[in-house]
């Protein structure tokens, strides 16, 4: 049982503790460093199709994936980062976004193919 004084000692110890910043996270898709505010977890196989494994991506990269592909396509054809990189539309996007700063973000538009489907 911790009293008022013990609680203050614990708080003082925690306040003086050295806080280590997590190691820089690199986006496996565009290979740029991901700022903490731009990190998204992407289920390689969508949860709706039983997927559990995730990859940390830039928010803009993650949104682009979902703007281009349906969940069924992601589950059946593009369940790895390598397969996503090889797809023509994604390769063009990756080449474009690699030239942008790490914290760059822009609104992503859904593919016309998905809008009409």
PDB file of N, CA and C in Angstrom:
ATOM      1  N   UNK A   1       0.847  -1.164   0.000  1.00  0.00           N
ATOM      2  CA  UNK A   1       0.000   0.000   0.000  1.00  0.00           C
ATOM      3  C   UNK A   1       0.898   1.234   0.000  1.00  0.00           C
ATOM      4  N   UNK A   2       0.730   2.090  -0.973  1.00  0.00           N
ATOM      5  CA  UNK A   2       1.570   3.278  -1.104  1.00  0.00           C
ATOM      6  C   UNK A   2       0.834   4.491  -0.568  1.00  0.00           C
ATOM      7  N   UNK A   3       1.479   5.179   0.337  1.00  0.00           N
ATOM      8  CA  UNK A   3       0.902   6.389   0.893  1.00  0.00           C
ATOM      9  C   UNK A   3       1.250   7.594   0.041  1.00  0.00           C
ATOM     10  N   UNK A   4       0.875   8.765   0.542  1.00  0.00           N
ATOM     11  CA  UNK A   4       1.082  10.016  -0.168  1.00  0.00           C
ATOM     12  C   UNK A   4       2.570  10.272  -0.425  1.00  0.00           C
ATOM     13  N   UNK A   5       3.425  10.045   0.568  1.00  0.00           N
ATOM     14  CA  UNK A   5       4.861  10.304   0.430  1.00  0.00           C
ATOM     15  C   UNK A   5       5.484   9.322  -0.558  1.00  0.00           C
ATOM     16  N   UNK A   6       5.138   8.071  -0.455  1.00  0.00           N
ATOM     17  CA  UNK A   6       5.668   7.053  -1.368  1.00  0.00           C
ATOM     18  C   UNK A   6       5.254   7.380  -2.811  1.00  0.00           C
ATOM     19  N   UNK A   7       4.017   7.812  -2.991  1.00  0.00           N
ATOM     20  CA  UNK A   7       3.506   8.169  -4.312  1.00  0.00           C
ATOM     21  C   UNK A   7       4.321   9.332  -4.898  1.00  0.00           C
ATOM     22  N   UNK A   8       4.649  10.331  -4.064  1.00  0.00           N
ATOM     23  CA  UNK A   8       5.446  11.468  -4.524  1.00  0.00           C
ATOM     24  C   UNK A   8       6.860  11.033  -4.898  1.00  0.00           C
ATOM     25  N   UNK A   9       7.423  10.084  -4.148  1.00  0.00           N
ATOM     26  CA  UNK A   9       8.755   9.580  -4.463  1.00  0.00           C
ATOM     27  C   UNK A   9       8.747   8.857  -5.812  1.00  0.00           C
ATOM     28  N   UNK A  10       7.732   8.079  -6.033  1.00  0.00           N
ATOM     29  CA  UNK A  10       7.611   7.351  -7.304  1.00  0.00           C
ATOM     30  C   UNK A  10       7.452   8.334  -8.464  1.00  0.00           C
ATOM     31  N   UNK A  11       6.619   9.352  -8.284  1.00  0.00           N
ATOM     32  CA  UNK A  11       6.422  10.358  -9.329  1.00  0.00           C
ATOM     33  C   UNK A  11       7.715  11.104  -9.624  1.00  0.00           C
ATOM     34  N   UNK A  12       8.494  11.437  -8.586  1.00  0.00           N
ATOM     35  CA  UNK A  12       9.769  12.130  -8.775  1.00  0.00           C
ATOM     36  C   UNK A  12      10.756  11.245  -9.527  1.00  0.00           C
ATOM     37  N   UNK A  13      10.785   9.961  -9.209  1.00  0.00           N
ATOM     38  CA  UNK A  13      11.670   9.020  -9.896  1.00  0.00           C
ATOM     39  C   UNK A  13      11.295   8.922 -11.366  1.00  0.00           C
ATOM     40  N   UNK A  14      10.003   8.816 -11.649  1.00  0.00           N
ATOM     41  CA  UNK A  14       9.547   8.726 -13.037  1.00  0.00           C
ATOM     42  C   UNK A  14       9.824  10.017 -13.806  1.00  0.00           C
ATOM     43  N   UNK A  15       9.694  11.156 -13.143  1.00  0.00           N
ATOM     44  CA  UNK A  15       9.935  12.443 -13.804  1.00  0.00           C
ATOM     45  C   UNK A  15      11.404  12.600 -14.176  1.00  0.00           C
ATOM     46  N   UNK A  16      12.309  12.014 -13.382  1.00  0.00           N
ATOM     47  CA  UNK A  16      13.731  12.119 -13.653  1.00  0.00           C
ATOM     48  C   UNK A  16      14.255  11.023 -14.574  1.00  0.00           C
ATOM     49  N   UNK A  17      13.426  10.046 -14.866  1.00  0.00           N
ATOM     50  CA  UNK A  17      13.853   8.936 -15.715  1.00  0.00           C
ATOM     51  C   UNK A  17      14.149   9.435 -17.122  1.00  0.00           C
ATOM     52  N   UNK A  18      15.133   8.825 -17.724  1.00  0.00           N
ATOM     53  CA  UNK A  18      15.496   9.185 -19.096  1.00  0.00           C
ATOM     54  C   UNK A  18      14.508   8.507 -20.040  1.00  0.00           C
ATOM     55  N   UNK A  19      13.932   9.305 -20.896  1.00  0.00           N
ATOM     56  CA  UNK A  19      12.973   8.778 -21.862  1.00  0.00           C
ATOM     57  C   UNK A  19      13.685   8.629 -23.199  1.00  0.00           C
ATOM     58  N   UNK A  20      13.730   7.417 -23.702  1.00  0.00           N
ATOM     59  CA  UNK A  20      14.377   7.160 -24.975  1.00  0.00           C
ATOM     60  C   UNK A  20      13.358   7.279 -26.092  1.00  0.00           C
ATOM     61  N   UNK A  21      13.730   8.029 -27.115  1.00  0.00           N
ATOM     62  CA  UNK A  21      12.876   8.129 -28.293  1.00  0.00           C
ATOM     63  C   UNK A  21      12.973   6.813 -29.058  1.00  0.00           C
ATOM     64  N   UNK A  22      11.869   6.323 -29.579  1.00  0.00           N
ATOM     65  CA  UNK A  22      11.939   5.079 -30.340  1.00  0.00           C
ATOM     66  C   UNK A  22      12.821   5.277 -31.569  1.00  0.00           C
ATOM     67  N   UNK A  23      13.433   4.210 -31.976  1.00  0.00           N
ATOM     68  CA  UNK A  23      14.306   4.237 -33.134  1.00  0.00           C
ATOM     69  C   UNK A  23      13.523   4.722 -34.362  1.00  0.00           C
ATOM     70  N   UNK A  24      14.211   5.398 -35.249  1.00  0.00           N
ATOM     71  CA  UNK A  24      13.554   5.908 -36.454  1.00  0.00           C
ATOM     72  C   UNK A  24      12.899   4.747 -37.205  1.00  0.00           C
ATOM     73  N   UNK A  25      11.673   4.959 -37.592  1.00  0.00           N
ATOM     74  CA  UNK A  25      10.926   3.934 -38.322  1.00  0.00           C
ATOM     75  C   UNK A  25      10.965   4.300 -39.802  1.00  0.00           C
ATOM     76  N   UNK A  26      11.317   3.339 -40.634  1.00  0.00           N
ATOM     77  CA  UNK A  26      11.399   3.548 -42.074  1.00  0.00           C
ATOM     78  C   UNK A  26      10.199   2.883 -42.734  1.00  0.00           C
ATOM     79  N   UNK A  27       9.547   3.619 -43.616  1.00  0.00           N
ATOM     80  CA  UNK A  27       8.402   3.075 -44.360  1.00  0.00           C
ATOM     81  C   UNK A  27       8.924   2.024 -45.349  1.00  0.00           C
ATOM     82  N   UNK A  28       8.431   0.791 -45.278  1.00  0.00           N
ATOM     83  CA  UNK A  28       8.908  -0.238 -46.194  1.00  0.00           C
ATOM     84  C   UNK A  28       8.462  -0.003 -47.643  1.00  0.00           C
ATOM     85  N   UNK A  29       7.481   0.845 -47.834  1.00  0.00           N
ATOM     86  CA  UNK A  29       6.972   1.102 -49.176  1.00  0.00           C
ATOM     87  C   UNK A  29       7.793   2.178 -49.885  1.00  0.00           C
ATOM     88  N   UNK A  30       7.915   3.356 -49.277  1.00  0.00           N
ATOM     89  CA  UNK A  30       8.626   4.467 -49.932  1.00  0.00           C
ATOM     90  C   UNK A  30      10.054   4.642 -49.416  1.00  0.00           C
ATOM     91  N   UNK A  31      10.401   3.895 -48.362  1.00  0.00           N
ATOM     92  CA  UNK A  31      11.745   3.893 -47.782  1.00  0.00           C
ATOM     93  C   UNK A  31      12.190   5.258 -47.263  1.00  0.00           C
ATOM     94  N   UNK A  32      11.230   6.049 -46.749  1.00  0.00           N
ATOM     95  CA  UNK A  32      11.538   7.316 -46.081  1.00  0.00           C
ATOM     96  C   UNK A  32      11.275   7.144 -44.594  1.00  0.00           C
ATOM     97  N   UNK A  33      11.903   7.974 -43.786  1.00  0.00           N
ATOM     98  CA  UNK A  33      11.681   7.948 -42.347  1.00  0.00           C
ATOM     99  C   UNK A  33      10.260   8.438 -42.044  1.00  0.00           C
ATOM    100  N   UNK A  34       9.598   7.794 -41.088  1.00  0.00           N
ATOM    101  CA  UNK A  34       8.207   8.149 -40.760  1.00  0.00           C
ATOM    102  C   UNK A  34       8.172   8.951 -39.465  1.00  0.00           C
ATOM    103  N   UNK A  35       7.733  10.221 -39.521  1.00  0.00           N
ATOM    104  CA  UNK A  35       7.559  10.972 -38.269  1.00  0.00           C
ATOM    105  C   UNK A  35       6.454  10.334 -37.435  1.00  0.00           C
ATOM    106  N   UNK A  36       6.527  10.515 -36.137  1.00  0.00           N
ATOM    107  CA  UNK A  36       5.562   9.885 -35.228  1.00  0.00           C
ATOM    108  C   UNK A  36       4.119  10.244 -35.592  1.00  0.00           C
ATOM    109  N   UNK A  37       3.875  11.476 -36.028  1.00  0.00           N
ATOM    110  CA  UNK A  37       2.513  11.923 -36.341  1.00  0.00           C
ATOM    111  C   UNK A  37       1.979  11.347 -37.651  1.00  0.00           C
ATOM    112  N   UNK A  38       2.838  10.728 -38.462  1.00  0.00           N
ATOM    113  CA  UNK A  38       2.415  10.217 -39.768  1.00  0.00           C
ATOM    114  C   UNK A  38       2.431   8.698 -39.856  1.00  0.00           C
ATOM    115  N   UNK A  39       2.465   8.003 -38.726  1.00  0.00           N
ATOM    116  CA  UNK A  39       2.535   6.540 -38.725  1.00  0.00           C
ATOM    117  C   UNK A  39       1.152   5.916 -38.750  1.00  0.00           C
ATOM    118  N   UNK A  40       0.985   4.956 -39.649  1.00  0.00           N
ATOM    119  CA  UNK A  40      -0.246   4.169 -39.737  1.00  0.00           C
ATOM    120  C   UNK A  40       0.147   2.696 -39.803  1.00  0.00           C
ATOM    121  N   UNK A  41      -0.681   1.844 -39.231  1.00  0.00           N
ATOM    122  CA  UNK A  41      -0.451   0.408 -39.333  1.00  0.00           C
ATOM    123  C   UNK A  41      -1.370  -0.141 -40.411  1.00  0.00           C
ATOM    124  N   UNK A  42      -0.779  -0.839 -41.361  1.00  0.00           N
ATOM    125  CA  UNK A  42      -1.529  -1.420 -42.474  1.00  0.00           C
ATOM    126  C   UNK A  42      -1.587  -2.928 -42.296  1.00  0.00           C
ATOM    127  N   UNK A  43      -2.779  -3.483 -42.291  1.00  0.00           N
ATOM    128  CA  UNK A  43      -2.932  -4.940 -42.261  1.00  0.00           C
ATOM    129  C   UNK A  43      -2.604  -5.460 -43.649  1.00  0.00           C
ATOM    130  N   UNK A  44      -1.577  -6.283 -43.764  1.00  0.00           N
ATOM    131  CA  UNK A  44      -1.161  -6.798 -45.076  1.00  0.00           C
ATOM    132  C   UNK A  44      -2.296  -7.578 -45.725  1.00  0.00           C
ATOM    133  N   UNK A  45      -2.995  -8.353 -44.947  1.00  0.00           N
ATOM    134  CA  UNK A  45      -4.260  -8.965 -45.377  1.00  0.00           C
ATOM    135  C   UNK A  45      -5.319  -8.287 -44.516  1.00  0.00           C
ATOM    136  N   UNK A  46      -6.342  -7.680 -45.119  1.00  0.00           N
ATOM    137  CA  UNK A  46      -7.350  -6.949 -44.339  1.00  0.00           C
ATOM    138  C   UNK A  46      -7.950  -7.804 -43.219  1.00  0.00           C
ATOM    139  N   UNK A  47      -8.293  -7.145 -42.125  1.00  0.00           N
ATOM    140  CA  UNK A  47      -8.893  -7.837 -40.985  1.00  0.00           C
ATOM    141  C   UNK A  47     -10.178  -8.544 -41.400  1.00  0.00           C
ATOM    142  N   UNK A  48     -10.910  -7.961 -42.336  1.00  0.00           N
ATOM    143  CA  UNK A  48     -12.167  -8.568 -42.788  1.00  0.00           C
ATOM    144  C   UNK A  48     -11.933  -9.896 -43.509  1.00  0.00           C
ATOM    145  N   UNK A  49     -10.679 -10.145 -43.911  1.00  0.00           N
ATOM    146  CA  UNK A  49     -10.326 -11.404 -44.572  1.00  0.00           C
ATOM    147  C   UNK A  49      -9.433 -12.265 -43.673  1.00  0.00           C
ATOM    148  N   UNK A  50      -9.424 -11.958 -42.381  1.00  0.00           N
ATOM    149  CA  UNK A  50      -8.692 -12.779 -41.419  1.00  0.00           C
ATOM    150  C   UNK A  50      -7.243 -12.376 -41.188  1.00  0.00           C
ATOM    151  N   UNK A  51      -6.830 -11.224 -41.694  1.00  0.00           N
ATOM    152  CA  UNK A  51      -5.444 -10.795 -41.538  1.00  0.00           C
ATOM    153  C   UNK A  51      -5.122 -10.333 -40.138  1.00  0.00           C
ATOM    154  N   UNK A  52      -3.891 -10.591 -39.712  1.00  0.00           N
ATOM    155  CA  UNK A  52      -3.443 -10.179 -38.380  1.00  0.00           C
ATOM    156  C   UNK A  52      -2.142  -9.396 -38.435  1.00  0.00           C
ATOM    157  N   UNK A  53      -1.294  -9.681 -39.407  1.00  0.00           N
ATOM    158  CA  UNK A  53       0.026  -9.048 -39.467  1.00  0.00           C
ATOM    159  C   UNK A  53      -0.072  -7.646 -40.051  1.00  0.00           C
ATOM    160  N   UNK A  54       0.683  -6.719 -39.444  1.00  0.00           N
ATOM    161  CA  UNK A  54       0.658  -5.339 -39.894  1.00  0.00           C
ATOM    162  C   UNK A  54       2.060  -4.861 -40.244  1.00  0.00           C
ATOM    163  N   UNK A  55       2.100  -3.762 -41.000  1.00  0.00           N
ATOM    164  CA  UNK A  55       3.344  -3.069 -41.324  1.00  0.00           C
ATOM    165  C   UNK A  55       3.107  -1.590 -41.044  1.00  0.00           C
ATOM    166  N   UNK A  56       4.098  -0.919 -40.483  1.00  0.00           N
ATOM    167  CA  UNK A  56       3.989   0.511 -40.204  1.00  0.00           C
ATOM    168  C   UNK A  56       4.358   1.266 -41.479  1.00  0.00           C
ATOM    169  N   UNK A  57       3.443   2.121 -41.945  1.00  0.00           N
ATOM    170  CA  UNK A  57       3.634   2.887 -43.180  1.00  0.00           C
ATOM    171  C   UNK A  57       3.376   4.367 -42.915  1.00  0.00           C
ATOM    172  N   UNK A  58       3.840   5.206 -43.859  1.00  0.00           N
ATOM    173  CA  UNK A  58       3.436   6.612 -43.846  1.00  0.00           C
ATOM    174  C   UNK A  58       1.924   6.654 -44.034  1.00  0.00           C
ATOM    175  N   UNK A  59       1.291   7.620 -43.440  1.00  0.00           N
ATOM    176  CA  UNK A  59      -0.160   7.763 -43.579  1.00  0.00           C
ATOM    177  C   UNK A  59      -0.549   7.919 -45.051  1.00  0.00           C
ATOM    178  N   UNK A  60       0.208   8.712 -45.817  1.00  0.00           N
ATOM    179  CA  UNK A  60      -0.131   8.937 -47.226  1.00  0.00           C
ATOM    180  C   UNK A  60       0.027   7.651 -48.038  1.00  0.00           C
ATOM    181  N   UNK A  61       1.042   6.842 -47.728  1.00  0.00           N
ATOM    182  CA  UNK A  61       1.238   5.568 -48.427  1.00  0.00           C
ATOM    183  C   UNK A  61       0.086   4.614 -48.112  1.00  0.00           C
ATOM    184  N   UNK A  62      -0.303   4.562 -46.837  1.00  0.00           N
ATOM    185  CA  UNK A  62      -1.395   3.687 -46.420  1.00  0.00           C
ATOM    186  C   UNK A  62      -2.706   4.073 -47.102  1.00  0.00           C
ATOM    187  N   UNK A  63      -2.989   5.361 -47.131  1.00  0.00           N
ATOM    188  CA  UNK A  63      -4.242   5.808 -47.760  1.00  0.00           C
ATOM    189  C   UNK A  63      -4.232   5.560 -49.265  1.00  0.00           C
ATOM    190  N   UNK A  64      -3.065   5.680 -49.880  1.00  0.00           N
ATOM    191  CA  UNK A  64      -2.971   5.423 -51.322  1.00  0.00           C
ATOM    192  C   UNK A  64      -3.277   3.960 -51.630  1.00  0.00           C
ATOM    193  N   UNK A  65      -2.799   3.064 -50.806  1.00  0.00           N
ATOM    194  CA  UNK A  65      -3.085   1.634 -51.000  1.00  0.00           C
ATOM    195  C   UNK A  65      -4.592   1.406 -51.011  1.00  0.00           C
ATOM    196  N   UNK A  66      -5.296   1.985 -50.038  1.00  0.00           N
ATOM    197  CA  UNK A  66      -6.739   1.763 -49.944  1.00  0.00           C
ATOM    198  C   UNK A  66      -7.521   2.570 -50.973  1.00  0.00           C
ATOM    199  N   UNK A  67      -6.900   3.574 -51.571  1.00  0.00           N
ATOM    200  CA  UNK A  67      -7.557   4.322 -52.647  1.00  0.00           C
ATOM    201  C   UNK A  67      -7.489   3.560 -53.967  1.00  0.00           C
ATOM    202  N   UNK A  68      -6.495   2.704 -54.104  1.00  0.00           N
ATOM    203  CA  UNK A  68      -6.298   1.978 -55.371  1.00  0.00           C
ATOM    204  C   UNK A  68      -6.926   0.593 -55.360  1.00  0.00           C
ATOM    205  N   UNK A  69      -6.827  -0.106 -54.232  1.00  0.00           N
ATOM    206  CA  UNK A  69      -7.221  -1.516 -54.182  1.00  0.00           C
ATOM    207  C   UNK A  69      -8.438  -1.750 -53.297  1.00  0.00           C
ATOM    208  N   UNK A  70      -9.212  -2.773 -53.659  1.00  0.00           N
ATOM    209  CA  UNK A  70     -10.296  -3.220 -52.792  1.00  0.00           C
ATOM    210  C   UNK A  70      -9.697  -4.147 -51.736  1.00  0.00           C
ATOM    211  N   UNK A  71     -10.433  -4.433 -50.704  1.00  0.00           N
ATOM    212  CA  UNK A  71      -9.938  -5.342 -49.670  1.00  0.00           C
ATOM    213  C   UNK A  71      -9.736  -6.751 -50.225  1.00  0.00           C
ATOM    214  N   UNK A  72     -10.584  -7.158 -51.134  1.00  0.00           N
ATOM    215  CA  UNK A  72     -10.448  -8.478 -51.741  1.00  0.00           C
ATOM    216  C   UNK A  72      -9.164  -8.555 -52.566  1.00  0.00           C
ATOM    217  N   UNK A  73      -8.862  -7.510 -53.343  1.00  0.00           N
ATOM    218  CA  UNK A  73      -7.615  -7.487 -54.111  1.00  0.00           C
ATOM    219  C   UNK A  73      -6.398  -7.539 -53.186  1.00  0.00           C
ATOM    220  N   UNK A  74      -6.462  -6.788 -52.095  1.00  0.00           N
ATOM    221  CA  UNK A  74      -5.354  -6.796 -51.143  1.00  0.00           C
ATOM    222  C   UNK A  74      -5.159  -8.193 -50.560  1.00  0.00           C
ATOM    223  N   UNK A  75      -6.241  -8.858 -50.227  1.00  0.00           N
ATOM    224  CA  UNK A  75      -6.142 -10.190 -49.628  1.00  0.00           C
ATOM    225  C   UNK A  75      -5.635 -11.230 -50.618  1.00  0.00           C
ATOM    226  N   UNK A  76      -6.086 -11.167 -51.851  1.00  0.00           N
ATOM    227  CA  UNK A  76      -5.759 -12.212 -52.830  1.00  0.00           C
ATOM    228  C   UNK A  76      -4.477 -11.962 -53.616  1.00  0.00           C
ATOM    229  N   UNK A  77      -4.207 -10.686 -53.990  1.00  0.00           N
ATOM    230  CA  UNK A  77      -3.109 -10.417 -54.912  1.00  0.00           C
ATOM    231  C   UNK A  77      -1.966  -9.600 -54.328  1.00  0.00           C
ATOM    232  N   UNK A  78      -2.227  -8.749 -53.352  1.00  0.00           N
ATOM    233  CA  UNK A  78      -1.214  -7.803 -52.865  1.00  0.00           C
ATOM    234  C   UNK A  78      -1.035  -7.901 -51.357  1.00  0.00           C
ATOM    235  N   UNK A  79      -0.739  -9.096 -50.875  1.00  0.00           N
ATOM    236  CA  UNK A  79      -0.648  -9.321 -49.432  1.00  0.00           C
ATOM    237  C   UNK A  79       0.759  -9.115 -48.868  1.00  0.00           C
ATOM    238  N   UNK A  80       1.694  -8.640 -49.695  1.00  0.00           N
ATOM    239  CA  UNK A  80       3.035  -8.326 -49.204  1.00  0.00           C
ATOM    240  C   UNK A  80       3.452  -6.951 -49.720  1.00  0.00           C
ATOM    241  N   UNK A  81       4.421  -6.363 -49.062  1.00  0.00           N
ATOM    242  CA  UNK A  81       4.939  -5.060 -49.481  1.00  0.00           C
ATOM    243  C   UNK A  81       5.576  -5.175 -50.869  1.00  0.00           C
ATOM    244  N   UNK A  82       6.288  -6.263 -51.137  1.00  0.00           N
ATOM    245  CA  UNK A  82       6.953  -6.454 -52.433  1.00  0.00           C
ATOM    246  C   UNK A  82       5.937  -6.486 -53.576  1.00  0.00           C
ATOM    247  N   UNK A  83       4.818  -7.172 -53.362  1.00  0.00           N
ATOM    248  CA  UNK A  83       3.777  -7.226 -54.395  1.00  0.00           C
ATOM    249  C   UNK A  83       3.145  -5.852 -54.616  1.00  0.00           C
ATOM    250  N   UNK A  84       2.971  -5.102 -53.546  1.00  0.00           N
ATOM    251  CA  UNK A  84       2.425  -3.745 -53.671  1.00  0.00           C
ATOM    252  C   UNK A  84       3.384  -2.861 -54.476  1.00  0.00           C
ATOM    253  N   UNK A  85       4.682  -2.973 -54.194  1.00  0.00           N
ATOM    254  CA  UNK A  85       5.683  -2.157 -54.898  1.00  0.00           C
ATOM    255  C   UNK A  85       5.721  -2.456 -56.393  1.00  0.00           C
ATOM    256  N   UNK A  86       5.420  -3.690 -56.778  1.00  0.00           N
ATOM    257  CA  UNK A  86       5.489  -4.090 -58.181  1.00  0.00           C
ATOM    258  C   UNK A  86       4.287  -3.626 -58.995  1.00  0.00           C
ATOM    259  N   UNK A  87       3.190  -3.321 -58.341  1.00  0.00           N
ATOM    260  CA  UNK A  87       1.993  -2.898 -59.059  1.00  0.00           C
ATOM    261  C   UNK A  87       2.245  -1.547 -59.709  1.00  0.00           C
ATOM    262  N   UNK A  88       1.818  -1.376 -60.951  1.00  0.00           N
ATOM    263  CA  UNK A  88       2.129  -0.205 -61.775  1.00  0.00           C
ATOM    264  C   UNK A  88       1.710   1.128 -61.144  1.00  0.00           C
ATOM    265  N   UNK A  89       0.467   1.226 -60.697  1.00  0.00           N
ATOM    266  CA  UNK A  89      -0.016   2.482 -60.097  1.00  0.00           C
ATOM    267  C   UNK A  89       0.736   2.822 -58.819  1.00  0.00           C
ATOM    268  N   UNK A  90       1.003   1.818 -57.995  1.00  0.00           N
ATOM    269  CA  UNK A  90       1.740   2.049 -56.750  1.00  0.00           C
ATOM    270  C   UNK A  90       3.180   2.438 -57.039  1.00  0.00           C
ATOM    271  N   UNK A  91       3.796   1.841 -58.057  1.00  0.00           N
ATOM    272  CA  UNK A  91       5.180   2.174 -58.404  1.00  0.00           C
ATOM    273  C   UNK A  91       5.291   3.648 -58.804  1.00  0.00           C
ATOM    274  N   UNK A  92       4.313   4.146 -59.555  1.00  0.00           N
ATOM    275  CA  UNK A  92       4.291   5.559 -59.926  1.00  0.00           C
ATOM    276  C   UNK A  92       4.128   6.462 -58.712  1.00  0.00           C
ATOM    277  N   UNK A  93       3.237   6.064 -57.826  1.00  0.00           N
ATOM    278  CA  UNK A  93       3.032   6.833 -56.599  1.00  0.00           C
ATOM    279  C   UNK A  93       4.300   6.857 -55.756  1.00  0.00           C
ATOM    280  N   UNK A  94       4.947   5.712 -55.597  1.00  0.00           N
ATOM    281  CA  UNK A  94       6.158   5.618 -54.781  1.00  0.00           C
ATOM    282  C   UNK A  94       7.258   6.506 -55.349  1.00  0.00           C
ATOM    283  N   UNK A  95       7.432   6.483 -56.677  1.00  0.00           N
ATOM    284  CA  UNK A  95       8.443   7.337 -57.311  1.00  0.00           C
ATOM    285  C   UNK A  95       8.148   8.812 -57.032  1.00  0.00           C
ATOM    286  N   UNK A  96       6.884   9.195 -57.047  1.00  0.00           N
ATOM    287  CA  UNK A  96       6.484  10.583 -56.798  1.00  0.00           C
ATOM    288  C   UNK A  96       6.690  10.969 -55.331  1.00  0.00           C
ATOM    289  N   UNK A  97       6.246  10.120 -54.412  1.00  0.00           N
ATOM    290  CA  UNK A  97       6.270  10.481 -52.988  1.00  0.00           C
ATOM    291  C   UNK A  97       7.685  10.436 -52.410  1.00  0.00           C
ATOM    292  N   UNK A  98       8.582   9.683 -53.008  1.00  0.00           N
ATOM    293  CA  UNK A  98       9.966   9.614 -52.510  1.00  0.00           C
ATOM    294  C   UNK A  98      10.657  10.973 -52.562  1.00  0.00           C
ATOM    295  N   UNK A  99      10.199  11.846 -53.445  1.00  0.00           N
ATOM    296  CA  UNK A  99      10.800  13.171 -53.600  1.00  0.00           C
ATOM    297  C   UNK A  99      10.268  14.170 -52.574  1.00  0.00           C
ATOM    298  N   UNK A 100       9.270  13.791 -51.817  1.00  0.00           N
ATOM    299  CA  UNK A 100       8.629  14.681 -50.846  1.00  0.00           C
ATOM    300  C   UNK A 100       9.316  14.579 -49.487  1.00  0.00           C
ATOM    301  N   UNK A 101       9.166  15.618 -48.631  1.00  0.00           N
ATOM    302  CA  UNK A 101       9.716  15.551 -47.272  1.00  0.00           C
ATOM    303  C   UNK A 101       9.026  14.439 -46.464  1.00  0.00           C
ATOM    304  N   UNK A 102       9.697  13.981 -45.408  1.00  0.00           N
ATOM    305  CA  UNK A 102       9.168  12.879 -44.596  1.00  0.00           C
ATOM    306  C   UNK A 102       7.792  13.160 -44.014  1.00  0.00           C
ATOM    307  N   UNK A 103       7.515  14.409 -43.643  1.00  0.00           N
ATOM    308  CA  UNK A 103       6.230  14.731 -43.011  1.00  0.00           C
ATOM    309  C   UNK A 103       5.177  15.213 -44.012  1.00  0.00           C
ATOM    310  N   UNK A 104       5.413  15.019 -45.298  1.00  0.00           N
ATOM    311  CA  UNK A 104       4.482  15.444 -46.345  1.00  0.00           C
ATOM    312  C   UNK A 104       3.186  14.639 -46.259  1.00  0.00           C
ATOM    313  N   UNK A 105       2.053  15.343 -46.409  1.00  0.00           N
ATOM    314  CA  UNK A 105       0.762  14.674 -46.457  1.00  0.00           C
ATOM    315  C   UNK A 105      -0.151  15.467 -47.374  1.00  0.00           C
ATOM    316  N   UNK A 106      -0.887  14.780 -48.193  1.00  0.00           N
ATOM    317  CA  UNK A 106      -1.842  15.392 -49.098  1.00  0.00           C
ATOM    318  C   UNK A 106      -3.069  14.494 -49.146  1.00  0.00           C
ATOM    319  N   UNK A 107      -4.202  15.100 -49.396  1.00  0.00           N
ATOM    320  CA  UNK A 107      -5.446  14.328 -49.481  1.00  0.00           C
ATOM    321  C   UNK A 107      -5.346  13.295 -50.602  1.00  0.00           C
ATOM    322  N   UNK A 108      -5.817  12.109 -50.344  1.00  0.00           N
ATOM    323  CA  UNK A 108      -5.769  11.022 -51.320  1.00  0.00           C
ATOM    324  C   UNK A 108      -7.150  10.836 -51.929  1.00  0.00           C
ATOM    325  N   UNK A 109      -7.179  10.701 -53.235  1.00  0.00           N
ATOM    326  CA  UNK A 109      -8.460  10.511 -53.930  1.00  0.00           C
ATOM    327  C   UNK A 109      -8.632   9.049 -54.312  1.00  0.00           C
ATOM    328  N   UNK A 110      -9.843   8.566 -54.176  1.00  0.00           N
ATOM    329  CA  UNK A 110     -10.148   7.181 -54.517  1.00  0.00           C
ATOM    330  C   UNK A 110     -10.059   6.985 -56.023  1.00  0.00           C
ATOM    331  N   UNK A 111      -9.588   5.855 -56.440  1.00  0.00           N
ATOM    332  CA  UNK A 111      -9.445   5.504 -57.844  1.00  0.00           C
ATOM    333  C   UNK A 111     -10.805   5.527 -58.539  1.00  0.00           C
ATOM    334  N   UNK A 112     -10.835   5.979 -59.764  1.00  0.00           N
ATOM    335  CA  UNK A 112     -12.097   5.976 -60.542  1.00  0.00           C
ATOM    336  C   UNK A 112     -12.645   4.567 -60.689  1.00  0.00           C
ATOM    337  N   UNK A 113     -11.744   3.608 -60.821  1.00  0.00           N
ATOM    338  CA  UNK A 113     -12.147   2.215 -60.959  1.00  0.00           C
ATOM    339  C   UNK A 113     -12.939   1.766 -59.736  1.00  0.00           C
ATOM    340  N   UNK A 114     -12.534   2.212 -58.547  1.00  0.00           N
ATOM    341  CA  UNK A 114     -13.240   1.836 -57.332  1.00  0.00           C
ATOM    342  C   UNK A 114     -14.528   2.629 -57.147  1.00  0.00           C
ATOM    343  N   UNK A 115     -14.544   3.868 -57.624  1.00  0.00           N
ATOM    344  CA  UNK A 115     -15.752   4.681 -57.511  1.00  0.00           C
ATOM    345  C   UNK A 115     -16.904   4.096 -58.319  1.00  0.00           C
ATOM    346  N   UNK A 116     -16.593   3.557 -59.491  1.00  0.00           N
ATOM    347  CA  UNK A 116     -17.639   3.025 -60.377  1.00  0.00           C
ATOM    348  C   UNK A 116     -18.017   1.600 -60.020  1.00  0.00           C
ATOM    349  N   UNK A 117     -17.189   0.928 -59.248  1.00  0.00           N
ATOM    350  CA  UNK A 117     -17.458  -0.485 -58.933  1.00  0.00           C
ATOM    351  C   UNK A 117     -18.525  -0.620 -57.874  1.00  0.00           C
TER     352      UNK A 117
END
